[in-house]
Amino acid sequence: MLTVTRSIAIAESELIERFTRADGPGGQHVNRTESAVELRFDVASSPSLSDEVRERLLARRDRRMTDAGVLVIQARRFRDQARNREDARERLAEIIREATVVAKKRVATKPTRASKERRLAGKAQRGQTKRTRSRDWSRE
């Protein structure tokens, strides 16, 4: 059981793990052991998630999410399989925790009159600086 929050816990049967050979340092050992972990979690059909959290997860623009709604996390940071498994599970839990937070609605604001005037004054000053540069000083 993977505990994400007090109200969300994911059963082991919902997590699919595949082990592959990792690249990187490790000498000959890296060619013989399958220490990298690919963790798959079906967000679209998981009974552990509420509808709101599921919608927020599926709405994310995340390259790890497949078209079928499966979240794929690859962990190969460490040399041993157990640490990579733990890393993948913690990253999954963090992604789900982020989806539990409701984003605040953005309130559109208008620039103040003074800020508009400051912006225009700055533009005028910049234009004046450029105009003084363009004079041909060699004739004077």
Protein backbone atom coordinates (compact mmCIF):
# COMPACT_ATOMS: atom_id res chain seq x y z
CA MET A 1 0.00 0.00 0.00
CA LEU A 2 1.41 3.35 -1.11
CA THR A 3 0.17 6.11 1.20
CA VAL A 4 -0.02 9.46 -0.61
CA THR A 5 -2.10 11.56 1.81
CA ARG A 6 -4.35 10.75 4.76
CA SER A 7 -7.27 10.21 2.40
CA ILE A 8 -5.44 8.67 -0.60
CA ALA A 9 -3.75 5.28 -0.53
CA ILE A 10 -2.91 3.24 -3.62
CA ALA A 11 -3.05 -0.55 -3.54
CA GLU A 12 -0.03 -2.55 -4.71
CA SER A 13 -2.20 -4.22 -7.36
CA GLU A 14 -2.64 -0.84 -9.11
CA LEU A 15 1.11 -0.35 -9.53
CA ILE A 16 2.90 -2.14 -12.36
CA GLU A 17 6.68 -2.31 -12.07
CA ARG A 18 9.09 -3.36 -14.77
CA PHE A 19 12.82 -3.69 -14.22
CA THR A 20 15.39 -2.93 -16.90
CA ARG A 21 19.12 -2.50 -17.15
CA ALA A 22 20.21 0.98 -16.23
CA ASP A 23 22.80 3.00 -18.09
CA GLY A 24 25.57 4.96 -16.42
CA PRO A 25 28.34 4.07 -13.96
CA GLY A 26 28.65 0.65 -12.38
CA GLY A 27 31.25 -1.25 -14.37
CA GLN A 28 30.41 -4.79 -15.47
CA HIS A 29 27.75 -4.97 -12.77
CA VAL A 30 25.54 -2.54 -14.71
CA ASN A 31 25.38 -4.98 -17.63
CA ARG A 32 24.17 -7.87 -15.47
CA THR A 33 21.57 -6.40 -13.12
CA GLU A 34 18.21 -4.86 -13.83
CA SER A 35 18.32 -1.97 -11.41
CA ALA A 36 16.28 0.63 -13.32
CA VAL A 37 12.55 0.74 -12.51
CA GLU A 38 9.64 1.69 -14.75
CA LEU A 39 6.55 2.30 -12.61
CA ARG A 40 3.15 2.47 -14.34
CA PHE A 41 -0.01 3.77 -12.69
CA ASP A 42 -3.35 3.85 -14.52
CA VAL A 43 -4.75 7.23 -13.50
CA ALA A 44 -7.81 7.00 -15.75
CA SER A 45 -9.26 3.86 -14.16
CA SER A 46 -7.87 3.95 -10.62
CA PRO A 47 -10.48 3.47 -7.88
CA SER A 48 -8.11 5.04 -5.31
CA LEU A 49 -8.41 8.56 -6.72
CA SER A 50 -11.33 10.93 -6.41
CA ASP A 51 -12.84 12.35 -9.60
CA GLU A 52 -11.39 15.83 -8.93
CA VAL A 53 -7.83 14.56 -8.42
CA ARG A 54 -8.13 12.28 -11.47
CA GLU A 55 -9.29 15.19 -13.65
CA ARG A 56 -6.43 17.41 -12.47
CA LEU A 57 -3.88 14.65 -13.13
CA LEU A 58 -5.23 13.94 -16.60
CA ALA A 59 -5.39 17.66 -17.44
CA ARG A 60 -1.68 18.15 -16.69
CA ARG A 61 0.56 18.64 -19.68
CA ASP A 62 3.00 15.94 -18.64
CA ARG A 63 5.15 13.96 -21.06
CA ARG A 64 5.04 10.99 -18.66
CA MET A 65 1.27 10.60 -19.17
CA THR A 66 0.24 8.34 -22.06
CA ASP A 67 -2.82 8.94 -24.24
CA ALA A 68 -4.58 6.11 -22.39
CA GLY A 69 -4.16 7.92 -19.05
CA VAL A 70 -1.28 5.83 -17.69
CA LEU A 71 1.43 7.65 -15.76
CA VAL A 72 4.89 6.18 -16.47
CA ILE A 73 7.76 7.03 -14.12
CA GLN A 74 11.30 5.84 -14.81
CA ALA A 75 13.79 5.72 -11.95
CA ARG A 76 17.45 4.97 -12.58
CA ARG A 77 19.11 7.49 -10.29
CA PHE A 78 20.61 4.88 -7.94
CA ARG A 79 22.68 1.76 -8.54
CA ASP A 80 20.43 -0.67 -6.67
CA GLN A 81 16.91 -1.72 -7.51
CA ALA A 82 15.39 -1.19 -4.06
CA ARG A 83 16.39 2.48 -3.92
CA ASN A 84 15.13 3.06 -7.47
CA ARG A 85 11.78 1.43 -6.55
CA GLU A 86 11.46 3.71 -3.54
CA ASP A 87 12.43 6.74 -5.63
CA ALA A 88 9.80 5.95 -8.28
CA ARG A 89 7.08 5.45 -5.66
CA GLU A 90 7.96 8.69 -3.88
CA ARG A 91 7.88 10.61 -7.17
CA LEU A 92 4.45 9.13 -7.98
CA ALA A 93 3.17 10.13 -4.54
CA GLU A 94 4.51 13.67 -5.02
CA ILE A 95 2.79 14.04 -8.41
CA ILE A 96 -0.52 12.91 -6.89
CA ARG A 97 -0.03 15.22 -3.88
CA GLU A 98 0.43 18.17 -6.25
CA ALA A 99 -2.85 17.26 -7.96
CA THR A 100 -4.74 17.39 -4.65
CA VAL A 101 -4.06 21.13 -4.35
CA VAL A 102 -6.65 23.27 -6.10
CA ALA A 103 -5.03 26.08 -8.10
CA LYS A 104 -6.20 29.59 -7.29
CA LYS A 105 -8.22 31.36 -9.94
CA ARG A 106 -6.25 34.18 -11.56
CA VAL A 107 -7.79 37.62 -11.16
CA ALA A 108 -7.19 39.88 -14.14
CA THR A 109 -5.86 43.32 -13.18
CA LYS A 110 -5.41 46.56 -15.08
CA PRO A 111 -2.24 48.62 -15.02
CA THR A 112 -2.62 51.83 -13.03
CA ARG A 113 -2.54 55.22 -14.70
CA ALA A 114 0.76 56.08 -13.00
CA SER A 115 2.38 52.84 -14.22
CA LYS A 116 1.23 53.56 -17.78
CA GLU A 117 2.74 57.06 -17.55
CA ARG A 118 6.01 55.70 -16.14
CA ARG A 119 6.20 53.18 -18.99
CA LEU A 120 5.60 55.88 -21.63
CA ALA A 121 8.14 58.21 -19.96
CA GLY A 122 10.71 55.40 -20.02
CA LYS A 123 10.01 54.75 -23.70
CA ALA A 124 10.37 58.46 -24.50
CA GLN A 125 13.67 58.60 -22.59
CA ARG A 126 14.97 55.54 -24.46
CA GLY A 127 13.96 57.07 -27.81
CA GLN A 128 15.73 60.33 -26.90
CA THR A 129 18.89 58.39 -26.06
CA LYS A 130 18.79 56.62 -29.43
CA ARG A 131 18.16 59.90 -31.29
CA THR A 132 21.27 61.49 -29.75
CA ARG A 133 23.36 58.50 -30.86
CA SER A 134 22.36 58.86 -34.50
CA ARG A 135 23.88 62.33 -35.02
CA ASP A 136 26.87 62.55 -37.28
CA TRP A 137 29.46 64.03 -34.92
CA SER A 138 32.27 63.99 -37.51
CA ARG A 139 30.87 67.15 -39.29
CA GLU A 140 30.90 69.34 -36.23
